[in-house]
C-alpha atoms as a PDB file:
ATOM      1  CA  MET A   1     222.382 159.086 140.829  1.00  0.00           C
ATOM      2  CA  LYS A   2     221.874 162.731 141.849  1.00  0.00           C
ATOM      3  CA  LYS A   3     218.853 161.756 143.957  1.00  0.00           C
ATOM      4  CA  ILE A   4     220.928 159.208 145.872  1.00  0.00           C
ATOM      5  CA  ILE A   5     223.662 161.773 146.554  1.00  0.00           C
ATOM      6  CA  ILE A   6     221.129 164.382 147.689  1.00  0.00           C
ATOM      7  CA  ALA A   7     219.290 161.867 149.897  1.00  0.00           C
ATOM      8  CA  GLY A   8     222.610 160.724 151.401  1.00  0.00           C
ATOM      9  CA  SER A   9     223.595 164.336 152.095  1.00  0.00           C
ATOM     10  CA  ILE A  10     220.291 165.043 153.831  1.00  0.00           C
ATOM     11  CA  VAL A  11     220.650 161.942 156.005  1.00  0.00           C
ATOM     12  CA  ALA A  12     224.232 162.885 156.905  1.00  0.00           C
ATOM     13  CA  LEU A  13     223.237 166.443 157.841  1.00  0.00           C
ATOM     14  CA  THR A  14     220.338 165.182 159.935  1.00  0.00           C
ATOM     15  CA  VAL A  15     222.583 162.756 161.822  1.00  0.00           C
ATOM     16  CA  LEU A  16     225.245 165.423 162.374  1.00  0.00           C
ATOM     17  CA  GLY A  17     222.594 167.897 163.505  1.00  0.00           C
ATOM     18  CA  ALA A  18     221.222 165.409 166.011  1.00  0.00           C
ATOM     19  CA  CYS A  19     224.723 164.762 167.362  1.00  0.00           C
ATOM     20  CA  SER A  20     225.204 168.451 168.080  1.00  0.00           C
ATOM     21  CA  ALA A  21     221.971 168.714 170.111  1.00  0.00           C
ATOM     22  CA  ASN A  22     222.042 170.532 173.433  1.00  0.00           C
ATOM     23  CA  THR A  23     223.554 168.371 176.170  1.00  0.00           C
ATOM     24  CA  ASP A  24     223.053 170.963 178.896  1.00  0.00           C
ATOM     25  CA  THR A  25     221.314 169.122 181.738  1.00  0.00           C
ATOM     26  CA  LYS A  26     220.393 172.234 183.719  1.00  0.00           C
ATOM     27  CA  ASP A  27     216.675 172.246 184.542  1.00  0.00           C
ATOM     28  CA  THR A  28     215.163 175.222 182.697  1.00  0.00           C
ATOM     29  CA  ASN A  29     212.141 175.350 185.020  1.00  0.00           C
ATOM     30  CA  THR A  30     214.427 175.863 188.016  1.00  0.00           C
ATOM     31  CA  THR A  31     216.399 178.405 186.025  1.00  0.00           C
ATOM     32  CA  LYS A  32     213.226 180.341 185.163  1.00  0.00           C
ATOM     33  CA  GLU A  33     212.198 180.447 188.823  1.00  0.00           C
ATOM     34  CA  GLU A  34     215.656 181.606 189.940  1.00  0.00           C
ATOM     35  CA  THR A  35     215.728 184.385 187.337  1.00  0.00           C
ATOM     36  CA  LYS A  36     212.167 185.475 188.146  1.00  0.00           C
ATOM     37  CA  LYS A  37     213.213 185.793 191.793  1.00  0.00           C
ATOM     38  CA  ALA A  38     216.331 187.748 190.796  1.00  0.00           C
ATOM     39  CA  ALA A  39     214.243 190.074 188.624  1.00  0.00           C
ATOM     40  CA  THR A  40     211.729 190.756 191.392  1.00  0.00           C
ATOM     41  CA  ASP A  41     214.478 191.257 193.996  1.00  0.00           C
ATOM     42  CA  THR A  42     216.038 194.059 191.937  1.00  0.00           C
ATOM     43  CA  LYS A  43     212.959 196.253 191.523  1.00  0.00           C
ATOM     44  CA  LYS A  44     213.409 199.989 191.938  1.00  0.00           C
ATOM     45  CA  PRO A  45     210.811 202.675 192.601  1.00  0.00           C
ATOM     46  CA  ALA A  46     208.804 203.788 189.582  1.00  0.00           C
ATOM     47  CA  THR A  47     209.955 206.833 187.621  1.00  0.00           C
ATOM     48  CA  ASP A  48     209.097 208.285 184.232  1.00  0.00           C
ATOM     49  CA  ASN A  49     212.003 206.338 182.684  1.00  0.00           C
ATOM     50  CA  LYS A  50     211.832 203.105 184.620  1.00  0.00           C
ATOM     51  CA  LYS A  51     215.008 201.058 184.900  1.00  0.00           C
ATOM     52  CA  THR A  52     215.816 197.826 186.660  1.00  0.00           C
ATOM     53  CA  ALA A  53     219.155 196.560 187.819  1.00  0.00           C
ATOM     54  CA  LYS A  54     221.146 193.730 186.322  1.00  0.00           C
ATOM     55  CA  THR A  55     219.859 190.161 186.864  1.00  0.00           C
ATOM     56  CA  GLU A  56     221.909 187.120 187.778  1.00  0.00           C
ATOM     57  CA  PRO A  57     223.487 185.322 184.790  1.00  0.00           C
ATOM     58  CA  VAL A  58     221.757 182.144 183.624  1.00  0.00           C
ATOM     59  CA  VAL A  59     223.212 179.547 181.247  1.00  0.00           C
ATOM     60  CA  VAL A  60     220.847 178.488 178.466  1.00  0.00           C
ATOM     61  CA  ASN A  61     221.981 176.327 175.538  1.00  0.00           C
ATOM     62  CA  GLY A  62     225.641 177.152 176.102  1.00  0.00           C
ATOM     63  CA  ILE A  63     225.096 180.924 176.400  1.00  0.00           C
ATOM     64  CA  GLN A  64     225.322 182.721 179.728  1.00  0.00           C
ATOM     65  CA  LEU A  65     222.525 185.308 179.495  1.00  0.00           C
ATOM     66  CA  THR A  66     222.264 188.424 181.628  1.00  0.00           C
ATOM     67  CA  LEU A  67     219.507 191.014 181.493  1.00  0.00           C
ATOM     68  CA  ASP A  68     221.611 194.105 182.203  1.00  0.00           C
ATOM     69  CA  LYS A  69     218.788 196.651 182.363  1.00  0.00           C
ATOM     70  CA  GLN A  70     215.221 197.387 181.415  1.00  0.00           C
ATOM     71  CA  GLU A  71     214.007 200.808 180.402  1.00  0.00           C
ATOM     72  CA  VAL A  72     210.515 202.049 179.608  1.00  0.00           C
ATOM     73  CA  THR A  73     210.205 205.351 177.746  1.00  0.00           C
ATOM     74  CA  LYS A  74     207.427 207.199 175.993  1.00  0.00           C
ATOM     75  CA  ALA A  75     207.370 207.096 172.200  1.00  0.00           C
ATOM     76  CA  ILE A  76     205.153 208.661 169.559  1.00  0.00           C
ATOM     77  CA  SER A  77     204.005 206.460 166.672  1.00  0.00           C
ATOM     78  CA  LYS A  78     203.867 207.586 163.037  1.00  0.00           C
ATOM     79  CA  ASP A  79     200.164 208.328 163.462  1.00  0.00           C
ATOM     80  CA  GLN A  80     200.960 210.547 166.509  1.00  0.00           C
ATOM     81  CA  LYS A  81     199.683 208.090 169.135  1.00  0.00           C
ATOM     82  CA  GLU A  82     201.527 207.773 172.432  1.00  0.00           C
ATOM     83  CA  GLN A  83     203.214 204.411 172.962  1.00  0.00           C
ATOM     84  CA  ASN A  84     205.556 202.792 175.456  1.00  0.00           C
ATOM     85  CA  LEU A  85     208.982 201.681 174.264  1.00  0.00           C
ATOM     86  CA  TYR A  86     210.399 198.790 176.288  1.00  0.00           C
ATOM     87  CA  THR A  87     214.159 198.421 175.801  1.00  0.00           C
ATOM     88  CA  PHE A  88     216.203 195.648 177.384  1.00  0.00           C
ATOM     89  CA  ARG A  89     219.993 195.436 177.346  1.00  0.00           C
ATOM     90  CA  VAL A  90     221.011 191.786 177.037  1.00  0.00           C
ATOM     91  CA  THR A  91     224.485 190.277 177.346  1.00  0.00           C
ATOM     92  CA  GLY A  92     225.375 186.785 176.198  1.00  0.00           C
ATOM     93  CA  LYS A  93     228.657 185.010 176.886  1.00  0.00           C
ATOM     94  CA  ASN A  94     229.428 181.814 175.002  1.00  0.00           C
ATOM     95  CA  VAL A  95     230.398 179.257 177.654  1.00  0.00           C
ATOM     96  CA  SER A  96     230.407 176.318 175.221  1.00  0.00           C
ATOM     97  CA  SER A  97     233.216 175.063 173.018  1.00  0.00           C
ATOM     98  CA  ILE A  98     231.498 175.911 169.709  1.00  0.00           C
ATOM     99  CA  ASN A  99     230.289 179.162 168.144  1.00  0.00           C
ATOM    100  CA  LYS A 100     226.764 180.213 169.171  1.00  0.00           C
ATOM    101  CA  GLY A 101     224.372 182.763 167.713  1.00  0.00           C
ATOM    102  CA  LEU A 102     222.488 185.419 169.670  1.00  0.00           C
ATOM    103  CA  GLY A 103     220.486 188.453 168.656  1.00  0.00           C
ATOM    104  CA  SER A 104     217.440 190.627 169.152  1.00  0.00           C
ATOM    105  CA  ALA A 105     215.387 188.243 166.984  1.00  0.00           C
ATOM    106  CA  ASP A 106     215.740 185.571 169.691  1.00  0.00           C
ATOM    107  CA  PHE A 107     213.510 187.532 172.070  1.00  0.00           C
ATOM    108  CA  ILE A 108     209.762 188.097 172.265  1.00  0.00           C
ATOM    109  CA  LEU A 109     207.621 190.036 174.715  1.00  0.00           C
ATOM    110  CA  LYS A 110     204.380 188.765 176.297  1.00  0.00           C
ATOM    111  CA  THR A 111     201.751 191.277 177.330  1.00  0.00           C
ATOM    112  CA  LYS A 112     199.197 191.213 180.124  1.00  0.00           C
ATOM    113  CA  ASP A 113     196.451 190.443 177.579  1.00  0.00           C
ATOM    114  CA  ASN A 114     198.496 187.370 176.491  1.00  0.00           C
ATOM    115  CA  LYS A 115     199.695 188.765 173.164  1.00  0.00           C
ATOM    116  CA  THR A 116     203.168 188.027 171.847  1.00  0.00           C
ATOM    117  CA  LEU A 117     205.222 190.838 170.325  1.00  0.00           C
ATOM    118  CA  GLU A 118     208.260 190.533 168.096  1.00  0.00           C
ATOM    119  CA  THR A 119     211.279 192.844 168.301  1.00  0.00           C
ATOM    120  CA  ASP A 120     210.714 196.328 166.848  1.00  0.00           C
ATOM    121  CA  TYR A 121     213.516 196.822 164.315  1.00  0.00           C
ATOM    122  CA  ASN A 122     212.764 200.549 163.978  1.00  0.00           C
ATOM    123  CA  TYR A 123     215.075 200.878 166.992  1.00  0.00           C
ATOM    124  CA  ALA A 124     218.601 199.644 167.649  1.00  0.00           C
ATOM    125  CA  ALA A 125     219.073 195.871 167.579  1.00  0.00           C
ATOM    126  CA  PHE A 126     221.990 193.461 167.803  1.00  0.00           C
ATOM    127  CA  GLY A 127     222.969 190.028 166.621  1.00  0.00           C
ATOM    128  CA  GLY A 128     225.827 187.837 165.575  1.00  0.00           C
ATOM    129  CA  GLU A 129     227.869 184.773 166.205  1.00  0.00           C
ATOM    130  CA  ILE A 130     229.716 184.467 169.520  1.00  0.00           C
ATOM    131  CA  GLN A 131     232.988 182.576 169.631  1.00  0.00           C
ATOM    132  CA  PRO A 132     233.765 180.437 172.709  1.00  0.00           C
ATOM    133  CA  GLU A 133     234.483 182.554 175.821  1.00  0.00           C
ATOM    134  CA  LYS A 134     233.519 185.782 173.978  1.00  0.00           C
ATOM    135  CA  THR A 135     230.645 188.132 174.805  1.00  0.00           C
ATOM    136  CA  LEU A 136     228.012 189.926 172.737  1.00  0.00           C
ATOM    137  CA  SER A 137     225.554 192.483 174.067  1.00  0.00           C
ATOM    138  CA  GLY A 138     222.990 194.885 172.743  1.00  0.00           C
ATOM    139  CA  PRO A 139     219.478 196.270 172.951  1.00  0.00           C
ATOM    140  CA  VAL A 140     216.183 194.528 172.343  1.00  0.00           C
ATOM    141  CA  SER A 141     213.232 196.923 171.852  1.00  0.00           C
ATOM    142  CA  PHE A 142     209.465 196.468 171.752  1.00  0.00           C
ATOM    143  CA  THR A 143     206.756 199.061 171.082  1.00  0.00           C
ATOM    144  CA  LEU A 144     203.473 198.689 172.951  1.00  0.00           C
ATOM    145  CA  ASN A 145     200.294 200.731 172.806  1.00  0.00           C
ATOM    146  CA  LYS A 146     199.824 203.031 175.784  1.00  0.00           C
ATOM    147  CA  ASP A 147     197.170 200.742 177.334  1.00  0.00           C
ATOM    148  CA  GLN A 148     199.235 197.526 176.957  1.00  0.00           C
ATOM    149  CA  LYS A 149     201.432 196.235 179.779  1.00  0.00           C
ATOM    150  CA  ALA A 150     204.349 193.862 179.313  1.00  0.00           C
ATOM    151  CA  THR A 151     204.670 190.854 181.619  1.00  0.00           C
ATOM    152  CA  LYS A 152     207.561 188.689 180.349  1.00  0.00           C
ATOM    153  CA  LEU A 153     210.647 188.965 178.195  1.00  0.00           C
ATOM    154  CA  ILE A 154     211.237 185.545 176.655  1.00  0.00           C
ATOM    155  CA  TYR A 155     214.408 184.108 175.119  1.00  0.00           C
ATOM    156  CA  ARG A 156     213.589 181.460 172.561  1.00  0.00           C
ATOM    157  CA  ILE A 157     215.344 179.204 170.112  1.00  0.00           C
ATOM    158  CA  GLY A 158     213.093 178.753 167.109  1.00  0.00           C
ATOM    159  CA  LYS A 159     209.613 178.372 168.592  1.00  0.00           C
ATOM    160  CA  LYS A 160     210.800 176.857 171.893  1.00  0.00           C
ATOM    161  CA  GLU A 161     210.796 179.172 174.916  1.00  0.00           C
ATOM    162  CA  MET A 162     214.066 178.670 176.783  1.00  0.00           C
ATOM    163  CA  MET A 163     214.091 181.399 179.445  1.00  0.00           C
ATOM    164  CA  SER A 164     211.883 184.231 180.704  1.00  0.00           C
ATOM    165  CA  TRP A 165     212.235 187.290 182.887  1.00  0.00           C
ATOM    166  CA  ASP A 166     209.453 189.214 184.611  1.00  0.00           C
ATOM    167  CA  VAL A 167     209.046 192.754 183.270  1.00  0.00           C
ATOM    168  CA  GLU A 168     208.478 195.868 185.344  1.00  0.00           C
ATOM    169  CA  ASN A 169     205.834 198.313 184.183  1.00  0.00           C
END
């Protein structure tokens, strides 16, 4: 009897999960191209602490994402090696009618040598649930070796890449 109840519960959760799938019909390829253009249009001259201006908001999976700024600073690792710290300030506004989650863990960084880096939690991070029409923002940080160059900041849901921004070096 317990097996039937458990199996029924699993089926019900699967059906309910499928019903709540993303119904956003916006073409993510077009969105990626528009954001890439916005990111390259806002480039500023290089400085020691490089910063870029805010990008145009893009709606992905019911969250309006904005890359507010990018900053590259020098950092020293525990073994006294010089590294580059890439910090991005991200803002997400829930434009759907249900609560959505967003956080630093949803972002990865691709490097020029095609490596994927996870968020570095030794630095400030953010995350939480966003209620409809509310906003959540915070930093996303990545540590790269001095010889590595970042190429793309990627927003993902699970393993699926949903959005990317070009990164200035």
